[in-house]
Protein backbone atom coordinates (compact mmCIF):
# COMPACT_ATOMS: atom_id res chain seq x y z
CA MET A 1 -6.65 2.94 0.97
CA GLY A 2 -3.35 3.03 4.03
CA LYS A 3 0.34 2.54 4.67
CA GLY A 4 1.93 -0.27 5.47
CA ARG A 5 5.62 -1.79 5.90
CA ILE A 6 7.23 -4.25 4.01
CA ILE A 7 8.24 -7.12 6.64
CA THR A 8 9.44 -9.88 4.21
CA ALA A 9 9.14 -10.92 0.49
CA HIS A 10 7.90 -14.55 -0.14
CA GLY A 11 8.41 -14.25 -4.21
CA GLU A 12 5.72 -14.10 -6.53
CA GLY A 13 3.94 -10.82 -5.51
CA ARG A 14 3.44 -12.53 -1.64
CA TYR A 15 4.85 -10.48 1.04
CA THR A 16 4.43 -10.13 4.99
CA ILE A 17 3.81 -6.89 5.69
CA GLU A 18 3.10 -4.17 9.20
CA ILE A 19 -0.52 -2.31 8.97
CA LEU A 20 0.85 1.73 9.96
CA GLU A 21 -1.69 3.17 11.58
CA ASP A 22 -1.83 6.68 12.43
CA ARG A 23 -1.34 7.05 15.84
CA ALA A 24 0.18 10.30 16.40
CA ARG A 25 -2.66 12.12 17.51
CA ALA A 26 -2.79 9.46 20.64
CA GLU A 27 0.95 9.14 21.07
CA SER A 28 0.73 12.42 21.26
CA ALA A 29 -2.36 12.80 24.02
CA LYS A 30 -0.34 9.68 25.67
CA ALA A 31 2.48 12.25 26.13
CA ARG A 32 0.64 15.33 27.49
CA ALA A 33 -1.47 12.89 29.71
CA GLU A 34 2.05 11.73 31.50
CA ALA A 35 3.28 15.30 31.29
CA ARG A 36 0.22 16.25 33.06
CA VAL A 37 0.33 13.14 35.98
CA VAL A 38 3.84 14.11 36.84
CA ASP A 39 2.23 17.93 36.71
CA LEU A 40 -0.61 17.17 39.39
CA GLY A 41 1.51 14.47 41.28
CA THR A 42 3.56 17.94 42.58
CA ARG A 43 0.46 20.17 43.01
CA ILE A 44 -0.94 17.54 44.93
CA SER A 45 2.06 17.01 47.05
CA ASP A 46 2.03 20.36 47.88
CA LEU A 47 -1.45 20.81 48.62
CA GLU A 48 -1.13 17.66 50.57
CA THR A 49 1.46 19.79 52.59
CA GLU A 50 -0.20 22.82 52.76
CA TYR A 51 -3.13 20.43 54.32
CA THR A 52 -1.29 18.98 57.21
CA ASP A 53 -0.49 22.94 58.06
CA ALA A 54 -3.90 23.52 57.78
CA GLN A 55 -4.82 20.95 59.46
CA ASP A 56 -2.44 21.92 62.36
CA VAL A 57 -3.88 25.32 62.94
CA VAL A 58 -7.46 23.65 62.93
CA ASP A 59 -6.13 21.34 65.69
CA ALA A 60 -4.38 24.12 67.52
CA ALA A 61 -7.97 26.06 67.57
CA ALA A 62 -9.89 23.38 68.61
CA ALA A 63 -7.06 23.08 71.69
CA ALA A 64 -7.43 26.72 72.64
CA ILE A 65 -11.32 26.09 72.96
CA ASP A 66 -10.44 22.83 74.99
CA GLN A 67 -8.04 25.07 76.95
CA ALA A 68 -10.57 27.93 77.46
CA ILE A 69 -13.03 25.95 79.19
CA ASP A 70 -10.57 23.93 81.28
CA ASP A 71 -9.37 27.17 82.45
CA TYR A 72 -12.59 28.24 83.20
CA HIS A 73 -13.47 25.24 85.34
CA ALA A 74 -10.83 25.55 86.61
CA GLU A 75 -11.04 29.14 88.01
CA ILE A 76 -14.84 27.82 89.29
CA LEU A 77 -13.85 25.26 91.56
CA ALA A 78 -11.04 27.42 92.61
CA ASP A 79 -12.61 30.78 93.63
CA GLY A 80 -16.58 30.18 92.84
CA THR A 81 -16.42 32.37 90.53
CA SER A 82 -14.90 33.40 87.35
CA ALA A 83 -14.27 36.99 85.71
CA THR A 84 -13.67 35.53 82.45
CA ASP A 85 -16.71 35.35 79.84
CA ILE A 86 -16.67 31.67 78.55
CA GLY A 87 -19.45 32.32 76.36
CA ALA A 88 -17.59 34.96 73.90
CA VAL A 89 -14.16 33.27 74.56
CA THR A 90 -15.40 30.33 72.94
CA THR A 91 -17.29 32.29 70.46
CA GLU A 92 -14.48 33.85 69.33
CA LEU A 93 -12.31 30.62 69.16
CA THR A 94 -14.69 28.89 67.72
CA VAL A 95 -15.12 31.07 64.42
CA GLU A 96 -11.67 30.84 64.27
CA LEU A 97 -11.89 27.06 64.66
CA GLN A 98 -14.29 27.63 61.76
CA GLU A 99 -12.13 29.65 59.70
CA ALA A 100 -9.17 27.28 59.38
CA ALA A 101 -11.20 24.34 58.66
CA SER A 102 -12.96 25.98 56.23
CA LYS A 103 -9.61 26.79 54.57
CA ARG A 104 -8.21 23.35 54.99
CA ASP A 105 -11.48 21.53 53.33
CA ALA A 106 -10.80 24.21 50.39
CA ILE A 107 -6.87 22.63 50.14
CA ALA A 108 -8.67 19.28 50.81
CA GLY A 109 -11.38 20.00 48.04
CA GLN A 110 -8.73 21.13 45.84
CA ILE A 111 -6.73 18.01 46.42
CA SER A 112 -9.68 15.83 45.87
CA THR A 113 -10.18 17.53 42.39
CA LEU A 114 -6.50 17.50 40.83
CA LYS A 115 -6.19 13.86 41.84
CA SER A 116 -9.65 12.92 39.62
CA GLN A 117 -8.14 14.49 36.92
CA ARG A 118 -4.70 12.90 37.85
CA LEU A 119 -6.79 9.65 37.93
CA ALA A 120 -8.67 10.49 34.46
CA ALA A 121 -5.49 11.21 32.76
CA GLN A 122 -4.04 7.87 34.19
CA LYS A 123 -7.03 6.41 32.46
CA ARG A 124 -6.05 8.10 29.44
CA ILE A 125 -2.55 6.53 29.25
CA SER A 126 -4.08 2.90 29.98
CA LEU A 127 -6.63 3.18 27.15
CA ILE A 128 -3.60 4.60 24.91
CA ASP A 129 -1.52 1.48 25.75
CA ALA A 130 -3.83 -0.84 25.51
CA LEU A 131 -4.15 -0.07 21.79
CA PRO A 132 -2.96 -3.54 20.14
CA PRO A 133 0.64 -4.13 18.57
CA LEU A 134 -0.12 -3.21 14.68
CA ARG A 135 -0.87 -5.99 13.05
CA GLN A 136 1.58 -7.94 10.73
CA GLN A 137 0.10 -10.22 8.29
CA GLU A 138 0.13 -11.16 4.63
CA ALA A 139 -0.99 -9.44 1.89
CA TRP A 140 -0.36 -9.57 -2.19
CA CYS A 141 0.81 -7.27 -4.13
CA ALA A 142 -1.73 -6.35 -7.05
CA ASP A 143 0.85 -7.16 -9.82
CA TYR A 144 3.98 -9.03 -10.13
CA THR A 145 5.76 -6.97 -8.24
CA GLU A 146 8.63 -9.21 -6.24
CA ASP A 147 11.61 -6.89 -4.78
CA LEU A 148 9.22 -3.92 -2.98
CA ALA A 149 10.57 -2.74 0.36
CA GLY A 150 10.13 -0.22 3.02
CA GLU A 151 6.69 1.23 3.44
CA VAL A 152 4.12 1.12 0.75
CA ALA A 153 0.79 2.00 -0.02
CA THR A 154 -2.12 -0.32 0.44
CA ALA A 155 -5.66 -1.13 -0.35
CA GLU A 156 -8.22 -1.85 1.81
CA VAL A 157 -11.44 -3.40 0.72
CA PRO A 158 -13.93 -1.95 0.81
CA GLY A 159 -12.14 1.32 2.38
CA GLU A 160 -12.23 -0.25 5.83
CA ILE A 161 -9.83 -2.51 7.83
CA GLY A 162 -10.18 -6.18 6.64
CA GLN A 163 -8.90 -7.43 3.44
CA VAL A 164 -5.99 -5.80 2.66
CA ILE A 165 -3.67 -5.52 -0.83
CA VAL A 166 -0.22 -4.18 -1.60
CA LYS A 167 -1.18 -1.20 -4.23
CA PRO A 168 0.25 -2.21 -7.74
CA GLY A 169 4.09 -1.47 -7.54
CA PHE A 170 5.17 -1.29 -10.94
CA GLU A 171 8.03 1.00 -12.19
CA GLY A 172 7.25 1.87 -7.73
CA ALA A 173 3.45 3.23 -8.59
CA ASN A 174 2.85 2.21 -4.76
CA GLN A 175 5.15 4.71 -3.30
CA TRP A 176 3.07 5.81 -0.21
CA SER A 177 1.65 9.36 0.01
CA ALA A 178 0.40 10.98 2.75
CA ALA A 179 -2.35 13.32 0.56
CA GLU A 180 -3.44 10.33 -1.72
CA ASP A 181 -3.31 7.30 0.22
CA GLY A 182 -3.41 8.19 4.27
CA ALA A 183 -3.24 5.99 6.98
CA ILE A 184 -5.62 4.02 8.87
CA GLN A 185 -6.67 5.55 12.49
CA PRO A 186 -7.72 4.22 15.30
CA ALA A 187 -10.28 6.33 17.42
CA LEU A 188 -8.33 7.35 19.77
CA SER A 189 -6.39 8.96 17.66
CA GLY A 190 -9.40 11.07 16.58
CA THR A 191 -11.35 13.86 18.54
CA PRO A 192 -15.11 12.84 19.62
CA ALA A 193 -16.35 14.86 16.69
CA SER A 194 -14.32 13.40 14.48
CA VAL A 195 -14.75 10.04 15.31
CA PHE A 196 -18.84 10.77 15.28
CA TYR A 197 -18.54 12.37 12.38
CA ASN A 198 -16.29 9.50 10.18
CA LEU A 199 -18.36 6.60 11.53
CA ALA A 200 -21.89 8.86 10.57
CA MET A 201 -20.21 9.53 6.83
CA MET A 202 -18.45 6.20 6.59
CA PRO A 203 -21.78 4.24 4.80
CA GLY A 204 -22.25 7.54 2.68
CA TRP A 205 -18.61 7.29 1.26
CA GLN A 206 -18.10 3.72 0.80
CA LYS A 207 -21.32 3.45 -1.80
CA TRP A 208 -21.09 7.09 -3.43
CA ARG A 209 -17.08 7.79 -3.45
CA PRO A 210 -15.86 4.23 -3.32
CA THR A 211 -12.14 3.23 -3.26
CA PHE A 212 -11.10 -0.48 -4.22
CA ARG A 213 -12.97 -3.41 -4.77
CA ILE A 214 -12.85 -7.35 -5.56
CA ALA A 215 -14.32 -8.37 -9.08
CA THR A 216 -14.55 -11.01 -11.16
CA ILE A 217 -13.13 -10.11 -15.06
CA SER A 218 -14.72 -11.46 -17.94
CA ASN A 219 -15.31 -10.82 -21.92
CA ILE A 220 -11.90 -9.41 -22.62
CA ASP A 221 -11.28 -7.30 -25.09
CA ASN A 222 -7.59 -6.34 -25.85
CA ASP A 223 -7.61 -3.93 -22.71
CA LEU A 224 -11.30 -3.93 -22.37
CA CYS A 225 -13.46 -5.70 -19.83
CA ASP A 226 -16.37 -6.42 -17.85
CA ILE A 227 -16.44 -6.67 -14.00
CA THR A 228 -18.92 -8.23 -11.96
CA LEU A 229 -18.20 -6.82 -8.40
CA ASP A 230 -18.15 -9.03 -5.29
CA HIS A 231 -20.51 -8.36 -2.33
CA ALA A 232 -19.58 -6.05 0.19
CA THR A 233 -20.79 -4.78 2.92
CA GLY A 234 -19.62 -2.71 5.54
CA SER A 235 -19.10 -2.55 9.12
CA ASN A 236 -21.60 0.18 9.97
CA GLN A 237 -24.55 -1.42 10.56
CA GLY A 238 -23.76 -3.81 7.58
CA LEU A 239 -25.11 -2.19 4.94
CA GLY A 240 -24.11 -2.88 0.67
CA VAL A 241 -22.41 -0.46 -0.36
CA ASN A 242 -21.83 -1.07 -3.64
CA ALA A 243 -23.47 1.47 -5.72
CA GLU A 244 -23.71 -1.16 -9.24
CA ARG A 245 -23.30 -4.59 -9.73
CA GLY A 246 -20.87 -4.88 -12.60
CA TYR A 247 -19.95 -2.74 -15.08
CA SER A 248 -19.06 -2.95 -18.91
CA GLY A 249 -16.04 -1.57 -21.30
CA VAL A 250 -13.81 -1.56 -18.18
CA PRO A 251 -10.11 -0.47 -19.05
CA ILE A 252 -7.60 -2.60 -17.79
CA MET A 253 -4.21 -0.95 -16.08
CA TYR A 254 -1.63 -3.74 -15.76
CA MET A 255 2.14 -3.59 -15.90
CA ASP A 256 3.55 -2.95 -19.19
CA CYS A 257 1.06 -5.55 -20.37
CA ASN A 258 -2.50 -4.36 -19.43
CA GLY A 259 -5.03 -6.88 -20.86
CA ASP A 260 -3.08 -9.73 -21.65
CA ALA A 261 -2.24 -10.42 -18.40
CA PHE A 262 -5.54 -11.70 -17.43
CA GLU A 263 -8.35 -14.64 -18.30
CA ASP A 264 -12.16 -15.03 -17.68
CA GLY A 265 -13.12 -15.37 -14.55
CA ASP A 266 -9.63 -13.88 -12.72
CA SER A 267 -11.00 -12.41 -9.47
CA VAL A 268 -9.26 -8.64 -10.08
CA LEU A 269 -8.78 -5.79 -7.86
CA VAL A 270 -10.53 -2.60 -9.21
CA GLY A 271 -9.83 0.69 -8.30
CA PHE A 272 -12.41 3.29 -7.87
CA SER A 273 -10.88 6.48 -7.08
CA GLY A 274 -13.86 8.03 -5.56
CA ASN A 275 -16.14 7.89 -8.39
CA THR A 276 -18.36 5.21 -9.24
CA ASP A 277 -18.82 5.66 -13.09
CA GLN A 278 -14.95 5.43 -13.81
CA PRO A 279 -13.48 1.99 -12.68
CA MET A 280 -10.18 0.46 -13.45
CA VAL A 281 -8.51 -3.02 -12.93
CA VAL A 282 -5.34 -2.62 -12.21
CA GLY A 283 -3.92 -5.81 -10.67
CA PHE A 284 -5.72 -9.13 -9.13
CA GLU A 285 -6.89 -9.89 -5.61
CA LYS A 286 -3.97 -12.63 -4.96
CA GLU A 287 -1.00 -14.55 -7.09
CA PRO A 288 -1.04 -11.67 -9.64
CA LYS A 289 0.46 -12.80 -12.82
CA GLU A 290 3.48 -12.05 -15.07
CA CYS A 291 3.44 -9.77 -18.12
CA ILE A 292 4.85 -13.62 -20.01
CA PHE A 293 6.39 -11.60 -23.31
CA GLY A 294 8.80 -13.34 -25.38
CA VAL A 295 11.11 -12.12 -28.50
CA VAL A 296 11.30 -14.93 -30.95
CA ALA A 297 14.12 -13.73 -33.33
CA ILE A 298 14.37 -14.96 -36.71
CA THR A 299 17.87 -14.86 -38.04
CA ALA A 300 19.95 -15.62 -40.81
CA PHE A 301 23.38 -16.95 -41.07
CA ASP A 302 25.01 -19.14 -43.32
CA GLU A 303 24.78 -22.35 -41.99
CA THR A 304 27.59 -23.78 -44.76
CA SER A 305 30.50 -21.39 -43.37
CA GLU A 306 33.21 -23.70 -41.35
CA ASP A 307 32.64 -21.15 -38.35
CA THR A 308 28.89 -19.69 -38.61
CA LEU A 309 29.86 -17.02 -35.44
CA ASP A 310 32.88 -16.16 -36.64
CA GLU A 311 32.20 -15.59 -40.79
CA PRO A 312 28.98 -13.45 -40.61
CA SER A 313 27.50 -13.25 -43.93
CA SER A 314 25.27 -10.31 -45.87
CA ARG A 315 22.39 -11.31 -44.32
CA ASP A 316 23.64 -11.97 -41.22
CA ILE A 317 22.20 -10.23 -38.18
CA VAL A 318 24.55 -7.22 -38.43
CA SER A 319 28.01 -7.33 -40.78
CA ASP A 320 29.96 -4.72 -38.58
CA GLY A 321 32.00 -7.03 -36.87
CA GLU A 322 32.37 -10.44 -35.62
CA ASP A 323 32.78 -9.70 -32.13
CA PHE A 324 29.70 -8.02 -32.24
CA TYR A 325 28.22 -10.77 -33.81
CA ILE A 326 29.05 -13.35 -31.38
CA THR A 327 27.88 -11.30 -28.40
CA HIS A 328 24.57 -10.55 -30.31
CA LYS A 329 24.08 -14.03 -30.88
CA GLU A 330 24.91 -15.00 -27.50
CA LYS A 331 22.93 -12.64 -25.93
CA ILE A 332 19.77 -14.19 -27.98
CA ASP A 333 20.60 -17.24 -27.48
CA ARG A 334 20.90 -16.40 -23.97
CA GLY A 335 17.32 -15.55 -23.41
CA GLU A 336 18.63 -11.46 -22.97
CA TYR A 337 17.62 -10.07 -25.92
CA ALA A 338 17.11 -6.20 -25.15
CA VAL A 339 14.16 -4.29 -27.41
CA ARG A 340 14.22 -0.94 -27.83
CA THR A 341 10.32 0.47 -29.32
CA LEU A 342 10.55 3.48 -31.37
CA ASP A 343 8.79 6.47 -30.37
CA ARG A 344 4.68 6.17 -31.49
CA THR A 345 4.23 6.46 -34.98
CA SER A 346 0.78 6.53 -36.96
CA GLY A 347 0.20 2.54 -37.20
CA TYR A 348 1.87 1.78 -34.15
CA ASP A 349 0.19 -0.60 -31.49
CA ASP A 350 -0.53 1.44 -28.87
CA ARG A 351 0.26 -1.29 -25.89
CA TRP A 352 3.78 -1.91 -27.61
CA ASP A 353 4.51 1.71 -27.39
CA TYR A 354 6.08 2.35 -24.07
CA ASN A 355 8.56 5.34 -25.19
CA ARG A 356 11.07 3.57 -22.58
CA TRP A 357 13.33 0.58 -22.80
CA ASN A 358 11.98 -2.69 -22.68
CA TYR A 359 13.87 -5.46 -21.80
CA LEU A 360 12.65 -9.15 -23.34
CA PRO A 361 13.50 -12.39 -22.92
CA SER A 362 14.07 -13.82 -26.49
CA TRP A 363 15.28 -16.89 -28.18
CA SER A 364 16.47 -17.44 -31.87
CA TYR A 365 16.08 -19.24 -34.73
CA PRO A 366 18.40 -19.76 -37.41
CA VAL A 367 17.47 -19.51 -41.25
CA THR A 368 20.68 -20.47 -43.96
CA VAL A 369 20.83 -16.85 -46.38
CA GLY A 370 19.22 -17.70 -49.65
CA ASP A 371 16.79 -19.70 -48.19
CA THR A 372 12.87 -18.85 -47.89
CA VAL A 373 11.82 -17.93 -44.32
CA THR A 374 8.89 -20.43 -43.95
CA HIS A 375 5.39 -21.09 -41.97
CA SER A 376 7.02 -23.71 -40.06
CA ASP A 377 10.45 -21.77 -39.60
CA TYR A 378 8.67 -19.28 -37.18
CA VAL A 379 6.59 -21.63 -35.97
CA ALA A 380 9.64 -23.64 -34.92
CA ALA A 381 10.91 -20.13 -33.54
CA TYR A 382 8.35 -20.26 -31.09
CA ASP A 383 8.54 -23.97 -30.31
CA ARG A 384 11.98 -23.71 -29.28
CA ALA A 385 11.05 -20.64 -27.27
CA VAL A 386 8.14 -22.00 -25.28
CA GLU A 387 10.81 -24.81 -24.80
CA ALA A 388 13.60 -22.71 -23.54
CA ARG A 389 11.08 -21.57 -21.03
CA GLY A 390 10.57 -25.53 -19.79
CA GLY A 391 6.91 -25.65 -21.84
CA VAL A 392 5.28 -22.79 -20.23
CA ASN A 393 3.11 -21.07 -23.25
CA PHE A 394 3.84 -17.21 -23.60
CA LYS A 395 0.87 -14.50 -23.05
CA LYS A 396 1.85 -12.54 -25.55
CA VAL A 397 5.00 -13.09 -27.90
CA VAL A 398 6.93 -10.70 -30.63
CA ILE A 399 7.95 -12.28 -33.51
CA VAL A 400 10.41 -10.35 -35.26
CA GLY A 401 12.42 -10.75 -38.20
CA ASP A 402 16.02 -9.48 -39.32
CA ARG A 403 15.63 -7.14 -42.53
CA SER A 404 19.17 -5.96 -41.90
CA GLY A 405 20.41 -6.10 -45.43
CA SER A 406 17.57 -6.54 -47.25
CA SER A 407 14.55 -3.92 -47.90
CA SER A 408 11.72 -6.26 -46.27
CA LEU A 409 10.61 -9.69 -44.98
CA THR A 410 7.25 -11.79 -45.71
CA ILE A 411 6.14 -13.26 -42.60
CA PRO A 412 2.78 -15.61 -43.37
CA SER A 413 -0.19 -14.87 -41.91
CA SER A 414 -0.69 -18.44 -41.76
CA VAL A 415 1.87 -18.06 -38.81
CA ARG A 416 -0.59 -16.10 -36.37
CA ASP A 417 -3.33 -18.23 -36.35
CA GLU A 418 -1.38 -21.32 -35.30
CA ILE A 419 0.42 -19.67 -32.52
CA GLU A 420 -2.37 -18.59 -31.47
CA SER A 421 -3.51 -21.96 -31.47
CA LYS A 422 -1.16 -22.35 -28.81
CA GLY A 423 -2.59 -20.02 -26.71
CA ALA A 424 0.05 -16.91 -27.15
CA LYS A 425 -1.34 -13.66 -28.49
CA TYR A 426 1.41 -11.71 -30.40
CA VAL A 427 1.98 -9.45 -33.14
CA ILE A 428 4.71 -9.42 -36.03
CA TYR A 429 7.20 -6.79 -36.14
CA GLU A 430 11.06 -6.56 -38.00
CA TYR A 431 13.91 -5.46 -36.53
CA GLU A 432 17.09 -3.67 -37.03
CA ALA A 433 20.43 -4.53 -34.85
CA SER A 434 22.30 -1.47 -33.58
CA GLU A 435 25.77 -1.31 -32.98
CA ASP A 436 25.25 -1.04 -29.01
CA GLU A 437 25.33 -4.24 -29.11
CA ASN A 438 22.45 -4.34 -26.29
CA TRP A 439 19.47 -3.89 -28.37
CA VAL A 440 17.49 -3.68 -31.14
CA THR A 441 14.91 -1.45 -32.88
CA ILE A 442 11.59 -2.48 -33.53
CA ILE A 443 10.30 -0.70 -36.60
CA GLU A 444 7.02 -1.32 -37.65
CA PRO A 445 4.21 -4.10 -37.36
CA TYR A 446 3.18 -6.41 -40.46
CA PHE A 447 0.04 -6.10 -39.18
CA PRO A 448 -2.17 -4.46 -35.86
CA VAL A 449 -3.09 -6.71 -33.06
CA ASP A 450 -6.97 -7.26 -32.90
């Protein structure tokens, strides 16, 4: 798990991102090293001044010895003798010279030591400066989220730099968390002990405390499935890091449609949260799919009226005013039908229980008041919805029937078989319209989803 920054959104869940690394320790070390180089430079400069002064003392002591010897020789040449005990004099002066040279050499040693320390600090700075620029690459979001921006959480497979996928972004789920996601850290940002520990432990936690893997999905049964993990090896000795080859009965959590978005054979992102016994399909490896839902509304109005929209009958979608009826009908025809689910009660399909607002595209199919809504009416409504989407089938469709002004509707069960044969899973609901002009309430399922 790691951290990234969105640079460009290309649409359909594809992004260009920058991988954000935790270089704080390295940058801090560089700042300290730079300050140390400055400090050492000042100290070296001061010591070099002291060294020059000490060398002057040594030179003076050596000159004093030379002068004493020259004076002694001059006296011998002039007088044939000298009262000077040249041995004692030179011995004393030599001691002074040695002491001066010792002080000078001590200063030279300090200078050499500080220069070595400065060189080490400069090398540290050079190493940190040599870190490559933060990597930029294309990455797919695990779900069909197209509006990501700023910093996001990433999934690294199999737990280290390699394949990077943006974690699912539905309802802001991929907001980066330092505690949960962390960030990739270069070795220069760690201490020697921490780097050794991490490298030593990596193959073990990759296998027994896994984060994310890529797998092939199969045997989808509503929101459960089987998965077969892709072979995964770690960079440390190339060891295999999958604890199991495959799993059965794995839950699917994907946006607001879960298993309905997937087909057998899809390559999926599996989250483990550090537990080999709790895999969960959380998205796609690449090219994520939309949760394609549709609401097909079977509405009744009087086609014999001179102006259907201006003269709603008692079986119209509502009978509380022509303005609302027109607005509502136009929303349906534009595919802007907003649906609000009720709180879950016994018998509700949990997959449609979001306890929140759901805005689903929809299409209407008019039926004349007094007519019986037939099998063909419902199928035609679905076909109209598909046609409105450019011929693309839905993954799942809800067919709702208007019961405003009536106690119940009869929706033939054969409708289900035919629409399923067209490739859509669905459940049939009734609805009642609201005077708020922008939603209907799904009342109850006629029969549950298998």
